[in-house]
């Protein structure tokens, strides 16, 4: 069974190869579908979002983790344990580390990359 780090790498590969999203909603759904598919296939842990802190499975960003970005009404930041996931109104996706804000992944939306 792949480690969490290996599963995250598979998730990023699948996210990169997926068609670009054209809206914030499409990008959010794309992330959720790709991550859930990887975890269903490789984690061995059933989907149980109420257990997200201790079951060893990775879960996509949740609506209650959404944060507004000052001066950028076209951008939402989702905070998770080790990453921030930024999604723009154009469907662009940016994932950065916490702490450090190192870019882990970026994918343009259908209208480009606008972070």
PDB file of N, CA and C in Angstrom:
ATOM      1  N   UNK A   1       0.848  -1.182   0.000  1.00  0.00           N
ATOM      2  CA  UNK A   1       0.000   0.000   0.000  1.00  0.00           C
ATOM      3  C   UNK A   1       0.894   1.246   0.000  1.00  0.00           C
ATOM      4  N   UNK A   2       0.628   2.178  -0.898  1.00  0.00           N
ATOM      5  CA  UNK A   2       1.433   3.404  -0.955  1.00  0.00           C
ATOM      6  C   UNK A   2       1.279   4.242   0.324  1.00  0.00           C
ATOM      7  N   UNK A   3       2.357   4.933   0.677  1.00  0.00           N
ATOM      8  CA  UNK A   3       2.306   5.846   1.814  1.00  0.00           C
ATOM      9  C   UNK A   3       1.438   7.051   1.473  1.00  0.00           C
ATOM     10  N   UNK A   4       1.132   7.832   2.480  1.00  0.00           N
ATOM     11  CA  UNK A   4       0.344   9.050   2.252  1.00  0.00           C
ATOM     12  C   UNK A   4       1.070   9.972   1.288  1.00  0.00           C
ATOM     13  N   UNK A   5       2.374  10.116   1.442  1.00  0.00           N
ATOM     14  CA  UNK A   5       3.160  10.971   0.544  1.00  0.00           C
ATOM     15  C   UNK A   5       3.099  10.445  -0.892  1.00  0.00           C
ATOM     16  N   UNK A   6       3.186   9.140  -1.064  1.00  0.00           N
ATOM     17  CA  UNK A   6       3.091   8.556  -2.410  1.00  0.00           C
ATOM     18  C   UNK A   6       1.691   8.749  -2.998  1.00  0.00           C
ATOM     19  N   UNK A   7       0.667   8.610  -2.169  1.00  0.00           N
ATOM     20  CA  UNK A   7      -0.701   8.825  -2.638  1.00  0.00           C
ATOM     21  C   UNK A   7      -0.913  10.283  -3.024  1.00  0.00           C
ATOM     22  N   UNK A   8      -0.328  11.201  -2.273  1.00  0.00           N
ATOM     23  CA  UNK A   8      -0.436  12.619  -2.598  1.00  0.00           C
ATOM     24  C   UNK A   8       0.206  12.889  -3.963  1.00  0.00           C
ATOM     25  N   UNK A   9       1.341  12.252  -4.223  1.00  0.00           N
ATOM     26  CA  UNK A   9       2.007  12.417  -5.518  1.00  0.00           C
ATOM     27  C   UNK A   9       1.130  11.874  -6.654  1.00  0.00           C
ATOM     28  N   UNK A  10       0.470  10.751  -6.437  1.00  0.00           N
ATOM     29  CA  UNK A  10      -0.443  10.193  -7.439  1.00  0.00           C
ATOM     30  C   UNK A  10      -1.598  11.160  -7.675  1.00  0.00           C
ATOM     31  N   UNK A  11      -2.137  11.712  -6.594  1.00  0.00           N
ATOM     32  CA  UNK A  11      -3.215  12.706  -6.695  1.00  0.00           C
ATOM     33  C   UNK A  11      -2.773  13.890  -7.554  1.00  0.00           C
ATOM     34  N   UNK A  12      -1.584  14.420  -7.296  1.00  0.00           N
ATOM     35  CA  UNK A  12      -1.093  15.564  -8.069  1.00  0.00           C
ATOM     36  C   UNK A  12      -0.915  15.210  -9.542  1.00  0.00           C
ATOM     37  N   UNK A  13      -0.438  14.003  -9.829  1.00  0.00           N
ATOM     38  CA  UNK A  13      -0.291  13.564 -11.219  1.00  0.00           C
ATOM     39  C   UNK A  13      -1.649  13.519 -11.919  1.00  0.00           C
ATOM     40  N   UNK A  14      -2.632  12.975 -11.233  1.00  0.00           N
ATOM     41  CA  UNK A  14      -3.969  12.876 -11.827  1.00  0.00           C
ATOM     42  C   UNK A  14      -4.610  14.244 -11.997  1.00  0.00           C
ATOM     43  N   UNK A  15      -4.394  15.107 -11.021  1.00  0.00           N
ATOM     44  CA  UNK A  15      -4.929  16.460 -11.105  1.00  0.00           C
ATOM     45  C   UNK A  15      -4.283  17.207 -12.278  1.00  0.00           C
ATOM     46  N   UNK A  16      -2.991  17.028 -12.455  1.00  0.00           N
ATOM     47  CA  UNK A  16      -2.279  17.681 -13.556  1.00  0.00           C
ATOM     48  C   UNK A  16      -2.769  17.201 -14.917  1.00  0.00           C
ATOM     49  N   UNK A  17      -3.093  15.925 -15.023  1.00  0.00           N
ATOM     50  CA  UNK A  17      -3.488  15.381 -16.322  1.00  0.00           C
ATOM     51  C   UNK A  17      -4.971  15.577 -16.633  1.00  0.00           C
ATOM     52  N   UNK A  18      -5.750  16.012 -15.667  1.00  0.00           N
ATOM     53  CA  UNK A  18      -7.183  16.248 -15.882  1.00  0.00           C
ATOM     54  C   UNK A  18      -7.383  17.526 -16.702  1.00  0.00           C
ATOM     55  N   UNK A  19      -8.491  17.611 -17.426  1.00  0.00           N
ATOM     56  CA  UNK A  19      -8.784  18.850 -18.155  1.00  0.00           C
ATOM     57  C   UNK A  19      -8.909  20.034 -17.187  1.00  0.00           C
ATOM     58  N   UNK A  20      -8.549  21.201 -17.666  1.00  0.00           N
ATOM     59  CA  UNK A  20      -8.625  22.413 -16.843  1.00  0.00           C
ATOM     60  C   UNK A  20     -10.081  22.729 -16.497  1.00  0.00           C
ATOM     61  N   UNK A  21     -10.266  23.275 -15.323  1.00  0.00           N
ATOM     62  CA  UNK A  21     -11.588  23.725 -14.888  1.00  0.00           C
ATOM     63  C   UNK A  21     -11.831  25.136 -15.402  1.00  0.00           C
ATOM     64  N   UNK A  22     -13.106  25.496 -15.529  1.00  0.00           N
ATOM     65  CA  UNK A  22     -13.436  26.839 -16.017  1.00  0.00           C
ATOM     66  C   UNK A  22     -14.110  27.697 -14.960  1.00  0.00           C
ATOM     67  N   UNK A  23     -14.255  27.157 -13.754  1.00  0.00           N
ATOM     68  CA  UNK A  23     -14.876  27.926 -12.677  1.00  0.00           C
ATOM     69  C   UNK A  23     -14.367  27.417 -11.331  1.00  0.00           C
ATOM     70  N   UNK A  24     -14.641  28.178 -10.302  1.00  0.00           N
ATOM     71  CA  UNK A  24     -14.269  27.800  -8.954  1.00  0.00           C
ATOM     72  C   UNK A  24     -14.937  26.478  -8.569  1.00  0.00           C
ATOM     73  N   UNK A  25     -16.204  26.337  -8.902  1.00  0.00           N
ATOM     74  CA  UNK A  25     -16.949  25.128  -8.562  1.00  0.00           C
ATOM     75  C   UNK A  25     -16.379  23.902  -9.276  1.00  0.00           C
ATOM     76  N   UNK A  26     -16.057  24.048 -10.564  1.00  0.00           N
ATOM     77  CA  UNK A  26     -15.468  22.935 -11.305  1.00  0.00           C
ATOM     78  C   UNK A  26     -14.118  22.536 -10.719  1.00  0.00           C
ATOM     79  N   UNK A  27     -13.308  23.508 -10.350  1.00  0.00           N
ATOM     80  CA  UNK A  27     -11.994  23.215  -9.770  1.00  0.00           C
ATOM     81  C   UNK A  27     -12.144  22.503  -8.427  1.00  0.00           C
ATOM     82  N   UNK A  28     -13.055  22.972  -7.607  1.00  0.00           N
ATOM     83  CA  UNK A  28     -13.312  22.343  -6.310  1.00  0.00           C
ATOM     84  C   UNK A  28     -13.742  20.887  -6.510  1.00  0.00           C
ATOM     85  N   UNK A  29     -14.661  20.651  -7.448  1.00  0.00           N
ATOM     86  CA  UNK A  29     -15.127  19.294  -7.738  1.00  0.00           C
ATOM     87  C   UNK A  29     -14.011  18.428  -8.307  1.00  0.00           C
ATOM     88  N   UNK A  30     -13.172  18.995  -9.163  1.00  0.00           N
ATOM     89  CA  UNK A  30     -12.059  18.262  -9.755  1.00  0.00           C
ATOM     90  C   UNK A  30     -11.107  17.766  -8.667  1.00  0.00           C
ATOM     91  N   UNK A  31     -10.782  18.632  -7.727  1.00  0.00           N
ATOM     92  CA  UNK A  31      -9.897  18.265  -6.618  1.00  0.00           C
ATOM     93  C   UNK A  31     -10.524  17.134  -5.804  1.00  0.00           C
ATOM     94  N   UNK A  32     -11.794  17.298  -5.452  1.00  0.00           N
ATOM     95  CA  UNK A  32     -12.473  16.293  -4.628  1.00  0.00           C
ATOM     96  C   UNK A  32     -12.540  14.945  -5.340  1.00  0.00           C
ATOM     97  N   UNK A  33     -12.904  14.954  -6.603  1.00  0.00           N
ATOM     98  CA  UNK A  33     -13.021  13.695  -7.344  1.00  0.00           C
ATOM     99  C   UNK A  33     -11.673  12.999  -7.490  1.00  0.00           C
ATOM    100  N   UNK A  34     -10.635  13.766  -7.813  1.00  0.00           N
ATOM    101  CA  UNK A  34      -9.312  13.173  -7.997  1.00  0.00           C
ATOM    102  C   UNK A  34      -8.770  12.605  -6.692  1.00  0.00           C
ATOM    103  N   UNK A  35      -8.889  13.359  -5.603  1.00  0.00           N
ATOM    104  CA  UNK A  35      -8.348  12.887  -4.328  1.00  0.00           C
ATOM    105  C   UNK A  35      -9.142  11.702  -3.799  1.00  0.00           C
ATOM    106  N   UNK A  36     -10.458  11.760  -3.873  1.00  0.00           N
ATOM    107  CA  UNK A  36     -11.261  10.632  -3.398  1.00  0.00           C
ATOM    108  C   UNK A  36     -10.994   9.368  -4.218  1.00  0.00           C
ATOM    109  N   UNK A  37     -10.789   9.516  -5.518  1.00  0.00           N
ATOM    110  CA  UNK A  37     -10.491   8.348  -6.355  1.00  0.00           C
ATOM    111  C   UNK A  37      -9.170   7.710  -5.943  1.00  0.00           C
ATOM    112  N   UNK A  38      -8.155   8.532  -5.717  1.00  0.00           N
ATOM    113  CA  UNK A  38      -6.854   8.006  -5.287  1.00  0.00           C
ATOM    114  C   UNK A  38      -6.979   7.316  -3.939  1.00  0.00           C
ATOM    115  N   UNK A  39      -7.640   7.938  -3.009  1.00  0.00           N
ATOM    116  CA  UNK A  39      -7.769   7.353  -1.671  1.00  0.00           C
ATOM    117  C   UNK A  39      -8.623   6.091  -1.690  1.00  0.00           C
ATOM    118  N   UNK A  40      -9.679   6.068  -2.507  1.00  0.00           N
ATOM    119  CA  UNK A  40     -10.488   4.855  -2.622  1.00  0.00           C
ATOM    120  C   UNK A  40      -9.671   3.701  -3.191  1.00  0.00           C
ATOM    121  N   UNK A  41      -8.789   4.022  -4.112  1.00  0.00           N
ATOM    122  CA  UNK A  41      -7.985   3.005  -4.775  1.00  0.00           C
ATOM    123  C   UNK A  41      -6.794   2.545  -3.953  1.00  0.00           C
ATOM    124  N   UNK A  42      -6.149   3.460  -3.230  1.00  0.00           N
ATOM    125  CA  UNK A  42      -4.860   3.136  -2.624  1.00  0.00           C
ATOM    126  C   UNK A  42      -4.767   3.196  -1.101  1.00  0.00           C
ATOM    127  N   UNK A  43      -5.687   3.846  -0.415  1.00  0.00           N
ATOM    128  CA  UNK A  43      -5.491   4.037   1.030  1.00  0.00           C
ATOM    129  C   UNK A  43      -5.913   2.845   1.863  1.00  0.00           C
ATOM    130  N   UNK A  44      -6.920   2.092   1.408  1.00  0.00           N
ATOM    131  CA  UNK A  44      -7.450   1.003   2.217  1.00  0.00           C
ATOM    132  C   UNK A  44      -8.324   1.485   3.357  1.00  0.00           C
ATOM    133  N   UNK A  45      -8.629   2.785   3.380  1.00  0.00           N
ATOM    134  CA  UNK A  45      -9.441   3.372   4.448  1.00  0.00           C
ATOM    135  C   UNK A  45     -10.762   3.837   3.848  1.00  0.00           C
ATOM    136  N   UNK A  46     -11.885   3.379   4.400  1.00  0.00           N
ATOM    137  CA  UNK A  46     -13.173   3.823   3.862  1.00  0.00           C
ATOM    138  C   UNK A  46     -13.392   5.321   4.071  1.00  0.00           C
ATOM    139  N   UNK A  47     -14.152   5.908   3.158  1.00  0.00           N
ATOM    140  CA  UNK A  47     -14.498   7.326   3.243  1.00  0.00           C
ATOM    141  C   UNK A  47     -15.355   7.563   4.480  1.00  0.00           C
ATOM    142  N   UNK A  48     -14.850   8.348   5.423  1.00  0.00           N
ATOM    143  CA  UNK A  48     -15.563   8.660   6.665  1.00  0.00           C
ATOM    144  C   UNK A  48     -15.111  10.041   7.131  1.00  0.00           C
ATOM    145  N   UNK A  49     -15.656  11.111   6.531  1.00  0.00           N
ATOM    146  CA  UNK A  49     -15.164  12.456   6.827  1.00  0.00           C
ATOM    147  C   UNK A  49     -15.184  12.840   8.301  1.00  0.00           C
ATOM    148  N   UNK A  50     -16.044  12.239   9.083  1.00  0.00           N
ATOM    149  CA  UNK A  50     -16.066  12.551  10.517  1.00  0.00           C
ATOM    150  C   UNK A  50     -14.813  12.054  11.232  1.00  0.00           C
ATOM    151  N   UNK A  51     -14.076  11.163  10.600  1.00  0.00           N
ATOM    152  CA  UNK A  51     -12.858  10.600  11.183  1.00  0.00           C
ATOM    153  C   UNK A  51     -11.588  11.181  10.560  1.00  0.00           C
ATOM    154  N   UNK A  52     -11.720  12.291   9.845  1.00  0.00           N
ATOM    155  CA  UNK A  52     -10.606  12.828   9.054  1.00  0.00           C
ATOM    156  C   UNK A  52      -9.338  13.119   9.843  1.00  0.00           C
ATOM    157  N   UNK A  53      -9.443  13.344  11.118  1.00  0.00           N
ATOM    158  CA  UNK A  53      -8.247  13.681  11.898  1.00  0.00           C
ATOM    159  C   UNK A  53      -7.436  12.467  12.320  1.00  0.00           C
ATOM    160  N   UNK A  54      -8.035  11.274  12.270  1.00  0.00           N
ATOM    161  CA  UNK A  54      -7.290  10.129  12.794  1.00  0.00           C
ATOM    162  C   UNK A  54      -7.436   8.839  12.004  1.00  0.00           C
ATOM    163  N   UNK A  55      -7.980   8.869  10.800  1.00  0.00           N
ATOM    164  CA  UNK A  55      -8.147   7.601  10.082  1.00  0.00           C
ATOM    165  C   UNK A  55      -7.050   7.325   9.053  1.00  0.00           C
ATOM    166  N   UNK A  56      -6.149   8.284   8.795  1.00  0.00           N
ATOM    167  CA  UNK A  56      -5.044   8.061   7.881  1.00  0.00           C
ATOM    168  C   UNK A  56      -5.364   8.314   6.423  1.00  0.00           C
ATOM    169  N   UNK A  57      -6.609   8.651   6.136  1.00  0.00           N
ATOM    170  CA  UNK A  57      -7.022   8.934   4.770  1.00  0.00           C
ATOM    171  C   UNK A  57      -6.909  10.434   4.521  1.00  0.00           C
ATOM    172  N   UNK A  58      -6.600  10.823   3.289  1.00  0.00           N
ATOM    173  CA  UNK A  58      -6.616  12.235   2.912  1.00  0.00           C
ATOM    174  C   UNK A  58      -8.014  12.573   2.399  1.00  0.00           C
ATOM    175  N   UNK A  59      -8.463  13.767   2.733  1.00  0.00           N
ATOM    176  CA  UNK A  59      -9.772  14.245   2.299  1.00  0.00           C
ATOM    177  C   UNK A  59      -9.611  15.558   1.550  1.00  0.00           C
ATOM    178  N   UNK A  60     -10.497  15.807   0.599  1.00  0.00           N
ATOM    179  CA  UNK A  60     -10.423  17.076  -0.134  1.00  0.00           C
ATOM    180  C   UNK A  60     -10.794  18.249   0.765  1.00  0.00           C
ATOM    181  N   UNK A  61     -10.512  19.464   0.319  1.00  0.00           N
ATOM    182  CA  UNK A  61     -10.888  20.642   1.105  1.00  0.00           C
ATOM    183  C   UNK A  61     -12.387  20.624   1.412  1.00  0.00           C
ATOM    184  N   UNK A  62     -12.715  21.138   2.577  1.00  0.00           N
ATOM    185  CA  UNK A  62     -14.106  21.201   3.014  1.00  0.00           C
ATOM    186  C   UNK A  62     -14.579  22.651   3.015  1.00  0.00           C
ATOM    187  N   UNK A  63     -15.855  22.842   2.796  1.00  0.00           N
ATOM    188  CA  UNK A  63     -16.431  24.192   2.716  1.00  0.00           C
ATOM    189  C   UNK A  63     -16.152  25.003   3.978  1.00  0.00           C
ATOM    190  N   UNK A  64     -16.134  24.357   5.134  1.00  0.00           N
ATOM    191  CA  UNK A  64     -15.910  25.109   6.372  1.00  0.00           C
ATOM    192  C   UNK A  64     -14.453  25.533   6.549  1.00  0.00           C
ATOM    193  N   UNK A  65     -13.574  25.090   5.650  1.00  0.00           N
ATOM    194  CA  UNK A  65     -12.167  25.498   5.688  1.00  0.00           C
ATOM    195  C   UNK A  65     -11.882  26.634   4.705  1.00  0.00           C
ATOM    196  N   UNK A  66     -12.934  27.146   4.055  1.00  0.00           N
ATOM    197  CA  UNK A  66     -12.764  28.230   3.073  1.00  0.00           C
ATOM    198  C   UNK A  66     -12.456  29.546   3.776  1.00  0.00           C
ATOM    199  N   UNK A  67     -11.523  30.281   3.217  1.00  0.00           N
ATOM    200  CA  UNK A  67     -11.138  31.589   3.747  1.00  0.00           C
ATOM    201  C   UNK A  67     -11.117  32.592   2.603  1.00  0.00           C
ATOM    202  N   UNK A  68     -11.647  33.778   2.842  1.00  0.00           N
ATOM    203  CA  UNK A  68     -11.559  34.850   1.852  1.00  0.00           C
ATOM    204  C   UNK A  68     -10.116  35.337   1.792  1.00  0.00           C
ATOM    205  N   UNK A  69      -9.744  35.875   0.643  1.00  0.00           N
ATOM    206  CA  UNK A  69      -8.400  36.410   0.447  1.00  0.00           C
ATOM    207  C   UNK A  69      -8.536  37.919   0.289  1.00  0.00           C
ATOM    208  N   UNK A  70      -7.913  38.680   1.186  1.00  0.00           N
ATOM    209  CA  UNK A  70      -8.004  40.141   1.148  1.00  0.00           C
ATOM    210  C   UNK A  70      -7.643  40.684  -0.225  1.00  0.00           C
ATOM    211  N   UNK A  71      -8.497  41.533  -0.756  1.00  0.00           N
ATOM    212  CA  UNK A  71      -8.248  42.177  -2.028  1.00  0.00           C
ATOM    213  C   UNK A  71      -8.452  41.290  -3.242  1.00  0.00           C
ATOM    214  N   UNK A  72      -8.891  40.054  -3.037  1.00  0.00           N
ATOM    215  CA  UNK A  72      -9.071  39.110  -4.152  1.00  0.00           C
ATOM    216  C   UNK A  72     -10.423  38.404  -4.021  1.00  0.00           C
ATOM    217  N   UNK A  73     -11.502  39.074  -4.381  1.00  0.00           N
ATOM    218  CA  UNK A  73     -12.811  38.429  -4.286  1.00  0.00           C
ATOM    219  C   UNK A  73     -12.963  37.254  -5.250  1.00  0.00           C
ATOM    220  N   UNK A  74     -12.027  37.123  -6.186  1.00  0.00           N
ATOM    221  CA  UNK A  74     -12.061  36.036  -7.165  1.00  0.00           C
ATOM    222  C   UNK A  74     -11.291  34.805  -6.693  1.00  0.00           C
ATOM    223  N   UNK A  75     -10.847  34.795  -5.432  1.00  0.00           N
ATOM    224  CA  UNK A  75      -9.974  33.745  -4.929  1.00  0.00           C
ATOM    225  C   UNK A  75     -10.462  33.252  -3.565  1.00  0.00           C
ATOM    226  N   UNK A  76     -10.436  31.932  -3.372  1.00  0.00           N
ATOM    227  CA  UNK A  76     -10.758  31.319  -2.080  1.00  0.00           C
ATOM    228  C   UNK A  76      -9.569  30.454  -1.683  1.00  0.00           C
ATOM    229  N   UNK A  77      -9.218  30.504  -0.397  1.00  0.00           N
ATOM    230  CA  UNK A  77      -8.153  29.665   0.155  1.00  0.00           C
ATOM    231  C   UNK A  77      -8.795  28.650   1.083  1.00  0.00           C
ATOM    232  N   UNK A  78      -8.441  27.383   0.896  1.00  0.00           N
ATOM    233  CA  UNK A  78      -8.913  26.307   1.767  1.00  0.00           C
ATOM    234  C   UNK A  78      -7.733  25.815   2.588  1.00  0.00           C
ATOM    235  N   UNK A  79      -7.871  25.855   3.892  1.00  0.00           N
ATOM    236  CA  UNK A  79      -6.805  25.450   4.814  1.00  0.00           C
ATOM    237  C   UNK A  79      -6.997  23.996   5.192  1.00  0.00           C
ATOM    238  N   UNK A  80      -5.946  23.209   5.062  1.00  0.00           N
ATOM    239  CA  UNK A  80      -5.952  21.831   5.545  1.00  0.00           C
ATOM    240  C   UNK A  80      -4.719  21.618   6.404  1.00  0.00           C
ATOM    241  N   UNK A  81      -4.541  20.424   6.890  1.00  0.00           N
ATOM    242  CA  UNK A  81      -3.478  20.153   7.854  1.00  0.00           C
ATOM    243  C   UNK A  81      -2.102  20.603   7.357  1.00  0.00           C
ATOM    244  N   UNK A  82      -1.721  20.226   6.164  1.00  0.00           N
ATOM    245  CA  UNK A  82      -0.378  20.541   5.697  1.00  0.00           C
ATOM    246  C   UNK A  82      -0.309  21.421   4.473  1.00  0.00           C
ATOM    247  N   UNK A  83      -1.495  21.845   3.983  1.00  0.00           N
ATOM    248  CA  UNK A  83      -1.512  22.606   2.737  1.00  0.00           C
ATOM    249  C   UNK A  83      -2.584  23.684   2.741  1.00  0.00           C
ATOM    250  N   UNK A  84      -2.341  24.687   1.934  1.00  0.00           N
ATOM    251  CA  UNK A  84      -3.379  25.629   1.536  1.00  0.00           C
ATOM    252  C   UNK A  84      -3.693  25.325   0.083  1.00  0.00           C
ATOM    253  N   UNK A  85      -4.972  25.245  -0.243  1.00  0.00           N
ATOM    254  CA  UNK A  85      -5.404  25.060  -1.611  1.00  0.00           C
ATOM    255  C   UNK A  85      -6.131  26.324  -2.023  1.00  0.00           C
ATOM    256  N   UNK A  86      -5.621  26.972  -3.044  1.00  0.00           N
ATOM    257  CA  UNK A  86      -6.168  28.221  -3.552  1.00  0.00           C
ATOM    258  C   UNK A  86      -6.915  27.913  -4.841  1.00  0.00           C
ATOM    259  N   UNK A  87      -8.139  28.400  -4.955  1.00  0.00           N
ATOM    260  CA  UNK A  87      -8.928  28.183  -6.163  1.00  0.00           C
ATOM    261  C   UNK A  87      -9.444  29.537  -6.637  1.00  0.00           C
ATOM    262  N   UNK A  88      -9.232  29.818  -7.914  1.00  0.00           N
ATOM    263  CA  UNK A  88      -9.674  31.102  -8.455  1.00  0.00           C
ATOM    264  C   UNK A  88     -10.990  30.936  -9.214  1.00  0.00           C
ATOM    265  N   UNK A  89     -11.627  32.040  -9.457  1.00  0.00           N
ATOM    266  CA  UNK A  89     -12.896  32.056 -10.186  1.00  0.00           C
ATOM    267  C   UNK A  89     -12.724  31.528 -11.609  1.00  0.00           C
ATOM    268  N   UNK A  90     -11.511  31.565 -12.139  1.00  0.00           N
ATOM    269  CA  UNK A  90     -11.246  31.063 -13.499  1.00  0.00           C
ATOM    270  C   UNK A  90     -11.010  29.557 -13.529  1.00  0.00           C
ATOM    271  N   UNK A  91     -10.988  28.913 -12.350  1.00  0.00           N
ATOM    272  CA  UNK A  91     -10.739  27.477 -12.268  1.00  0.00           C
ATOM    273  C   UNK A  91      -9.286  27.113 -12.023  1.00  0.00           C
ATOM    274  N   UNK A  92      -8.425  28.101 -11.871  1.00  0.00           N
ATOM    275  CA  UNK A  92      -7.018  27.825 -11.591  1.00  0.00           C
ATOM    276  C   UNK A  92      -6.870  27.283 -10.168  1.00  0.00           C
ATOM    277  N   UNK A  93      -5.874  26.403  -9.984  1.00  0.00           N
ATOM    278  CA  UNK A  93      -5.628  25.754  -8.692  1.00  0.00           C
ATOM    279  C   UNK A  93      -4.169  25.959  -8.319  1.00  0.00           C
ATOM    280  N   UNK A  94      -3.945  26.303  -7.053  1.00  0.00           N
ATOM    281  CA  UNK A  94      -2.599  26.435  -6.502  1.00  0.00           C
ATOM    282  C   UNK A  94      -2.596  25.738  -5.150  1.00  0.00           C
ATOM    283  N   UNK A  95      -1.615  24.874  -4.910  1.00  0.00           N
ATOM    284  CA  UNK A  95      -1.473  24.211  -3.616  1.00  0.00           C
ATOM    285  C   UNK A  95      -0.111  24.572  -3.056  1.00  0.00           C
ATOM    286  N   UNK A  96      -0.099  25.078  -1.821  1.00  0.00           N
ATOM    287  CA  UNK A  96       1.139  25.474  -1.158  1.00  0.00           C
ATOM    288  C   UNK A  96       1.257  24.771   0.192  1.00  0.00           C
ATOM    289  N   UNK A  97       2.486  24.649   0.668  1.00  0.00           N
ATOM    290  CA  UNK A  97       2.721  24.005   1.955  1.00  0.00           C
ATOM    291  C   UNK A  97       2.402  24.940   3.110  1.00  0.00           C
ATOM    292  N   UNK A  98       2.100  24.330   4.241  1.00  0.00           N
ATOM    293  CA  UNK A  98       1.953  25.035   5.512  1.00  0.00           C
ATOM    294  C   UNK A  98       2.836  24.291   6.490  1.00  0.00           C
ATOM    295  N   UNK A  99       3.794  24.918   7.094  1.00  0.00           N
ATOM    296  CA  UNK A  99       4.223  26.300   6.886  1.00  0.00           C
ATOM    297  C   UNK A  99       5.111  26.418   5.650  1.00  0.00           C
ATOM    298  N   UNK A 100       5.554  27.608   5.371  1.00  0.00           N
ATOM    299  CA  UNK A 100       6.533  27.852   4.329  1.00  0.00           C
ATOM    300  C   UNK A 100       6.006  28.372   3.020  1.00  0.00           C
ATOM    301  N   UNK A 101       4.768  28.107   2.712  1.00  0.00           N
ATOM    302  CA  UNK A 101       4.144  28.603   1.484  1.00  0.00           C
ATOM    303  C   UNK A 101       4.910  28.217   0.219  1.00  0.00           C
ATOM    304  N   UNK A 102       5.531  27.028   0.234  1.00  0.00           N
ATOM    305  CA  UNK A 102       6.201  26.520  -0.955  1.00  0.00           C
ATOM    306  C   UNK A 102       5.141  26.014  -1.936  1.00  0.00           C
ATOM    307  N   UNK A 103       5.283  26.361  -3.198  1.00  0.00           N
ATOM    308  CA  UNK A 103       4.336  25.897  -4.204  1.00  0.00           C
ATOM    309  C   UNK A 103       4.575  24.405  -4.459  1.00  0.00           C
ATOM    310  N   UNK A 104       3.524  23.627  -4.298  1.00  0.00           N
ATOM    311  CA  UNK A 104       3.556  22.192  -4.524  1.00  0.00           C
ATOM    312  C   UNK A 104       2.951  21.860  -5.883  1.00  0.00           C
ATOM    313  N   UNK A 105       1.942  22.660  -6.280  1.00  0.00           N
ATOM    314  CA  UNK A 105       1.204  22.360  -7.498  1.00  0.00           C
ATOM    315  C   UNK A 105       0.532  23.626  -7.993  1.00  0.00           C
ATOM    316  N   UNK A 106       0.521  23.804  -9.308  1.00  0.00           N
ATOM    317  CA  UNK A 106      -0.288  24.861  -9.900  1.00  0.00           C
ATOM    318  C   UNK A 106      -0.834  24.388 -11.237  1.00  0.00           C
ATOM    319  N   UNK A 107      -2.089  24.711 -11.451  1.00  0.00           N
ATOM    320  CA  UNK A 107      -2.779  24.313 -12.673  1.00  0.00           C
ATOM    321  C   UNK A 107      -3.613  25.487 -13.142  1.00  0.00           C
ATOM    322  N   UNK A 108      -3.386  25.929 -14.356  1.00  0.00           N
ATOM    323  CA  UNK A 108      -4.210  27.027 -14.872  1.00  0.00           C
ATOM    324  C   UNK A 108      -5.651  26.576 -15.076  1.00  0.00           C
ATOM    325  N   UNK A 109      -6.554  27.521 -14.946  1.00  0.00           N
ATOM    326  CA  UNK A 109      -7.925  27.286 -15.357  1.00  0.00           C
ATOM    327  C   UNK A 109      -8.004  27.446 -16.867  1.00  0.00           C
ATOM    328  N   UNK A 110      -9.183  27.316 -17.408  1.00  0.00           N
ATOM    329  CA  UNK A 110      -9.312  27.450 -18.860  1.00  0.00           C
ATOM    330  C   UNK A 110      -8.935  28.855 -19.322  1.00  0.00           C
ATOM    331  N   UNK A 111      -8.964  29.846 -18.420  1.00  0.00           N
ATOM    332  CA  UNK A 111      -8.588  31.215 -18.766  1.00  0.00           C
ATOM    333  C   UNK A 111      -7.207  31.584 -18.258  1.00  0.00           C
ATOM    334  N   UNK A 112      -6.404  30.579 -17.903  1.00  0.00           N
ATOM    335  CA  UNK A 112      -5.038  30.863 -17.480  1.00  0.00           C
ATOM    336  C   UNK A 112      -4.821  30.721 -15.990  1.00  0.00           C
ATOM    337  N   UNK A 113      -3.621  31.122 -15.552  1.00  0.00           N
ATOM    338  CA  UNK A 113      -3.206  31.057 -14.157  1.00  0.00           C
ATOM    339  C   UNK A 113      -3.196  32.483 -13.620  1.00  0.00           C
ATOM    340  N   UNK A 114      -3.988  32.745 -12.587  1.00  0.00           N
ATOM    341  CA  UNK A 114      -4.136  34.139 -12.149  1.00  0.00           C
ATOM    342  C   UNK A 114      -3.944  34.315 -10.648  1.00  0.00           C
ATOM    343  N   UNK A 115      -2.838  33.823 -10.140  1.00  0.00           N
ATOM    344  CA  UNK A 115      -2.568  33.967  -8.705  1.00  0.00           C
ATOM    345  C   UNK A 115      -1.574  35.079  -8.479  1.00  0.00           C
TER     346      UNK A 115
END
